[in-house]
Protein backbone atom coordinates (compact mmCIF):
# COMPACT_ATOMS: atom_id res chain seq x y z
CA MET A 1 -17.78 -2.60 -11.32
CA ALA A 2 -14.42 -1.27 -10.19
CA SER A 3 -12.08 -3.69 -8.57
CA TYR A 4 -10.56 -2.69 -5.27
CA PRO A 5 -6.89 -3.52 -4.72
CA THR A 6 -6.59 -6.27 -2.11
CA ASN A 7 -3.37 -4.83 -0.68
CA LEU A 8 -5.28 -1.78 0.60
CA LYS A 9 -7.48 -1.41 3.69
CA TYR A 10 -10.70 0.62 3.49
CA THR A 11 -12.91 2.78 5.69
CA LYS A 12 -16.70 3.10 5.69
CA ASP A 13 -16.07 6.74 4.73
CA HIS A 14 -14.47 5.61 1.43
CA GLU A 15 -10.82 6.24 2.18
CA TRP A 16 -8.12 3.66 1.58
CA ILE A 17 -4.76 3.17 3.26
CA ASP A 18 -1.76 1.36 1.83
CA LEU A 19 0.28 0.14 4.80
CA PHE A 20 4.04 -0.28 4.76
CA GLY A 21 5.73 -0.80 8.11
CA GLU A 22 4.40 1.78 10.55
CA LYS A 23 3.36 4.14 7.76
CA GLY A 24 0.44 4.28 5.39
CA LYS A 25 -0.45 6.19 2.23
CA VAL A 26 -4.03 7.47 2.28
CA GLY A 27 -6.39 8.29 -0.57
CA ILE A 28 -10.04 7.97 -1.60
CA THR A 29 -11.68 5.05 -3.35
CA ASP A 30 -12.91 4.76 -6.90
CA TYR A 31 -16.45 4.70 -5.51
CA ALA A 32 -15.86 8.01 -3.71
CA GLN A 33 -14.43 9.79 -6.75
CA ALA A 34 -17.30 8.48 -8.91
CA GLN A 35 -19.84 9.87 -6.41
CA LEU A 36 -18.06 13.23 -6.35
CA GLY A 37 -17.66 13.68 -10.08
CA ASP A 38 -14.93 15.95 -11.46
CA VAL A 39 -12.55 16.87 -8.65
CA VAL A 40 -11.45 20.52 -8.86
CA TYR A 41 -9.65 21.08 -5.55
CA VAL A 42 -8.06 19.07 -2.74
CA GLU A 43 -7.21 20.70 0.58
CA LEU A 44 -4.66 18.73 2.58
CA PRO A 45 -3.09 19.17 6.03
CA GLU A 46 0.39 20.38 6.89
CA ILE A 47 3.21 17.92 7.47
CA GLY A 48 3.40 17.29 11.20
CA ALA A 49 -0.37 17.43 11.73
CA LYS A 50 -1.48 14.88 14.31
CA LEU A 51 -4.73 13.09 13.55
CA LYS A 52 -7.03 10.75 15.41
CA GLN A 53 -8.74 7.90 13.60
CA GLY A 54 -11.90 9.25 11.94
CA GLN A 55 -10.80 12.89 12.22
CA SER A 56 -11.11 15.10 9.14
CA PHE A 57 -7.72 15.84 7.57
CA GLY A 58 -8.90 17.99 4.68
CA THR A 59 -11.54 18.41 2.02
CA ILE A 60 -12.04 17.37 -1.56
CA GLU A 61 -14.10 19.60 -3.81
CA SER A 62 -15.83 18.61 -7.01
CA VAL A 63 -18.15 20.43 -9.36
CA LYS A 64 -21.02 18.87 -7.35
CA ALA A 65 -19.97 18.99 -3.70
CA VAL A 66 -17.35 19.50 -1.03
CA SER A 67 -16.59 16.42 1.06
CA GLU A 68 -14.51 15.90 4.16
CA LEU A 69 -11.56 13.53 4.06
CA TYR A 70 -11.25 11.28 7.13
CA SER A 71 -8.15 9.70 8.57
CA PRO A 72 -8.32 5.89 8.54
CA VAL A 73 -5.89 5.63 11.48
CA SER A 74 -4.39 7.80 14.20
CA GLY A 75 -0.95 9.21 13.59
CA GLU A 76 1.17 12.01 12.25
CA VAL A 77 1.20 13.34 8.69
CA VAL A 78 4.75 12.82 7.40
CA GLU A 79 4.18 13.54 3.69
CA VAL A 80 1.61 15.43 1.65
CA ASN A 81 1.04 14.93 -2.08
CA ALA A 82 1.54 18.54 -3.19
CA ALA A 83 1.05 17.56 -6.86
CA LEU A 84 -2.70 17.27 -6.19
CA LYS A 85 -2.89 21.04 -5.64
CA ASP A 86 -2.04 21.57 -9.31
CA LYS A 87 -3.69 18.44 -10.68
CA PRO A 88 -6.65 17.51 -8.44
CA GLU A 89 -8.26 15.66 -11.38
CA THR A 90 -5.63 12.91 -10.94
CA VAL A 91 -7.90 11.60 -8.19
CA ASN A 92 -10.59 10.88 -10.81
CA LYS A 93 -8.21 9.21 -13.25
CA ASP A 94 -6.35 7.04 -10.76
CA PRO A 95 -8.06 7.06 -7.34
CA HIS A 96 -6.14 4.08 -5.96
CA GLY A 97 -2.82 5.45 -7.22
CA SER A 98 -3.38 9.06 -6.15
CA TRP A 99 -2.38 9.17 -2.51
CA MET A 100 -3.07 12.33 -0.52
CA ILE A 101 -1.06 11.96 2.66
CA VAL A 102 1.40 9.55 4.24
CA MET A 103 0.85 8.91 7.93
CA LYS A 104 3.07 7.43 10.59
CA MET A 105 0.66 5.38 12.69
CA THR A 106 0.56 5.68 16.46
CA ASN A 107 -1.70 2.65 16.90
CA ALA A 108 -1.15 -0.12 14.36
CA GLY A 109 -4.06 -2.07 15.85
CA GLU A 110 -6.52 0.42 14.34
CA ALA A 111 -5.53 -0.71 10.84
CA GLU A 112 -6.55 -4.27 11.70
CA ALA A 113 -10.15 -3.13 12.19
CA LEU A 114 -10.41 -1.55 8.74
CA LEU A 115 -12.26 -3.22 5.89
CA SER A 116 -10.69 -5.62 3.41
CA ALA A 117 -11.31 -5.11 -0.32
CA ALA A 118 -14.03 -7.79 -0.20
CA GLN A 119 -15.75 -6.19 2.81
CA TYR A 120 -15.59 -2.77 1.16
CA GLY A 121 -17.05 -4.22 -2.04
CA GLU A 122 -19.99 -5.55 -0.01
CA LEU A 123 -20.46 -2.17 1.69
CA ILE A 124 -20.90 -0.26 -1.58
CA LYS A 125 -23.00 -2.82 -3.45
């Protein structure tokens, strides 16, 4: 079973966020990429996009399915990982290292309510 980094927070929709100060890097979990199979395309938002917690910020497409990506917190997109456009398969190889967007949070309290690695592990058992 994959181990989930304890420094990350997780959503029930299988996204993770790596918090640093008022910002957070967002990606999808190992469980999510395993369910999807081979990722062939990632559609990400523009820098400056404002998102509410739980709002879709893009899609991830695999040979099996297209899935929505959901924002773990509310805030503004301040960086987008453009490298994923050319190499979407990176998400399969290193899901917890392949961030998609960096957000500047507008409500840090939302992050407190996200799942810990242990809670996420229980969720996907």
